[in-house]
């Protein structure tokens, strides 16, 4: 494993808190392939393979493995959509008249 200032170095891309939601599947594949190709096995690459559909998440993980990524990162569904639930949770409780 490569080291940076004495610490292990792993490169991750298109993760659950980054640009993943702004790219379509073809773009996702191009990004992951580019990162794996550029690092050329010198730095371990761990792409984010999360998706709201299990089938697509598995396809992404398989693709990442096939092109040489060392692992894949998958976020649980509640992490992906948690902000939606938190945002709307107050609507489930009675509101006081002075609340907007």
Protein backbone atom coordinates (compact mmCIF):
# COMPACT_ATOMS: atom_id res chain seq x y z
CA UNK A 1 0.00 0.00 0.00
CA UNK A 2 1.28 3.46 -0.86
CA UNK A 3 2.03 5.82 1.99
CA UNK A 4 1.73 9.57 2.31
CA UNK A 5 3.75 11.10 5.15
CA UNK A 6 3.95 7.67 6.74
CA UNK A 7 0.19 7.04 6.66
CA UNK A 8 -1.56 4.46 4.44
CA UNK A 9 -3.09 5.97 1.32
CA UNK A 10 -6.31 4.82 -0.37
CA UNK A 11 -8.12 6.80 -3.05
CA UNK A 12 -11.91 6.88 -3.08
CA UNK A 13 -14.15 8.48 -5.68
CA UNK A 14 -17.87 8.95 -6.39
CA UNK A 15 -18.72 8.23 -2.78
CA UNK A 16 -22.01 8.67 -0.95
CA UNK A 17 -21.28 12.24 0.19
CA UNK A 18 -19.65 13.51 -2.99
CA UNK A 19 -20.45 13.86 -6.66
CA UNK A 20 -22.19 10.49 -6.94
CA UNK A 21 -25.68 11.99 -7.13
CA UNK A 22 -24.73 14.38 -9.94
CA UNK A 23 -23.59 11.72 -12.43
CA UNK A 24 -25.44 9.20 -14.58
CA UNK A 25 -24.29 5.57 -14.75
CA UNK A 26 -22.12 6.02 -17.86
CA UNK A 27 -20.36 8.98 -16.24
CA UNK A 28 -19.89 6.97 -13.04
CA UNK A 29 -18.17 4.20 -15.02
CA UNK A 30 -15.91 6.70 -16.83
CA UNK A 31 -14.88 8.37 -13.56
CA UNK A 32 -14.07 5.07 -11.84
CA UNK A 33 -12.22 3.71 -14.89
CA UNK A 34 -10.18 6.91 -15.22
CA UNK A 35 -9.14 6.85 -11.56
CA UNK A 36 -8.18 3.16 -11.71
CA UNK A 37 -6.23 3.70 -14.95
CA UNK A 38 -4.39 6.80 -13.72
CA UNK A 39 -3.36 5.20 -10.42
CA UNK A 40 -2.17 2.15 -12.38
CA UNK A 41 -2.18 -0.12 -9.33
CA UNK A 42 0.15 2.20 -7.38
CA UNK A 43 -2.62 3.45 -5.07
CA UNK A 44 -5.58 1.30 -3.97
CA UNK A 45 -8.85 2.66 -5.39
CA UNK A 46 -12.17 2.26 -3.54
CA UNK A 47 -15.05 3.70 -5.59
CA UNK A 48 -18.47 4.31 -4.11
CA UNK A 49 -20.93 1.81 -5.57
CA UNK A 50 -24.05 2.83 -3.65
CA UNK A 51 -27.38 3.00 -5.43
CA UNK A 52 -31.02 2.98 -4.38
CA UNK A 53 -31.41 -0.30 -6.29
CA UNK A 54 -29.59 -3.40 -5.06
CA UNK A 55 -29.10 -4.77 -8.60
CA UNK A 56 -27.34 -1.60 -9.78
CA UNK A 57 -25.19 -1.46 -6.63
CA UNK A 58 -24.08 -5.05 -7.26
CA UNK A 59 -23.40 -4.33 -10.95
CA UNK A 60 -21.28 -1.34 -9.96
CA UNK A 61 -19.32 -3.38 -7.41
CA UNK A 62 -18.69 -6.11 -10.01
CA UNK A 63 -17.58 -3.50 -12.58
CA UNK A 64 -15.21 -1.92 -10.06
CA UNK A 65 -13.71 -5.32 -9.28
CA UNK A 66 -13.37 -6.20 -12.98
CA UNK A 67 -11.41 -3.04 -13.83
CA UNK A 68 -9.02 -3.36 -10.88
CA UNK A 69 -10.46 -1.47 -7.91
CA UNK A 70 -9.32 -3.03 -4.62
CA UNK A 71 -12.74 -2.73 -2.94
CA UNK A 72 -16.00 -0.81 -3.15
CA UNK A 73 -17.83 1.41 -0.70
CA UNK A 74 -21.57 1.04 -0.16
CA UNK A 75 -23.70 3.33 2.03
CA UNK A 76 -26.83 2.02 3.67
CA UNK A 77 -30.09 3.29 2.26
CA UNK A 78 -30.94 5.16 5.46
CA UNK A 79 -27.71 7.14 5.09
CA UNK A 80 -28.58 8.09 1.54
CA UNK A 81 -32.14 9.17 2.26
CA UNK A 82 -31.80 10.05 5.95
CA UNK A 83 -31.94 13.79 5.40
CA UNK A 84 -35.32 13.47 3.69
CA UNK A 85 -36.76 11.63 6.69
CA UNK A 86 -35.19 14.03 9.18
CA UNK A 87 -36.41 17.04 7.23
CA UNK A 88 -40.03 15.85 7.21
CA UNK A 89 -40.14 14.28 10.66
CA UNK A 90 -41.53 17.42 12.38
CA UNK A 91 -44.59 17.18 10.12
CA UNK A 92 -45.60 13.99 11.91
CA UNK A 93 -46.04 15.77 15.24
CA UNK A 94 -48.70 18.33 16.19
CA UNK A 95 -47.46 21.88 15.79
CA UNK A 96 -48.06 24.77 18.09
CA UNK A 97 -49.97 27.67 16.57
CA UNK A 98 -46.98 30.00 16.67
CA UNK A 99 -44.74 27.62 14.67
CA UNK A 100 -44.43 28.16 10.94
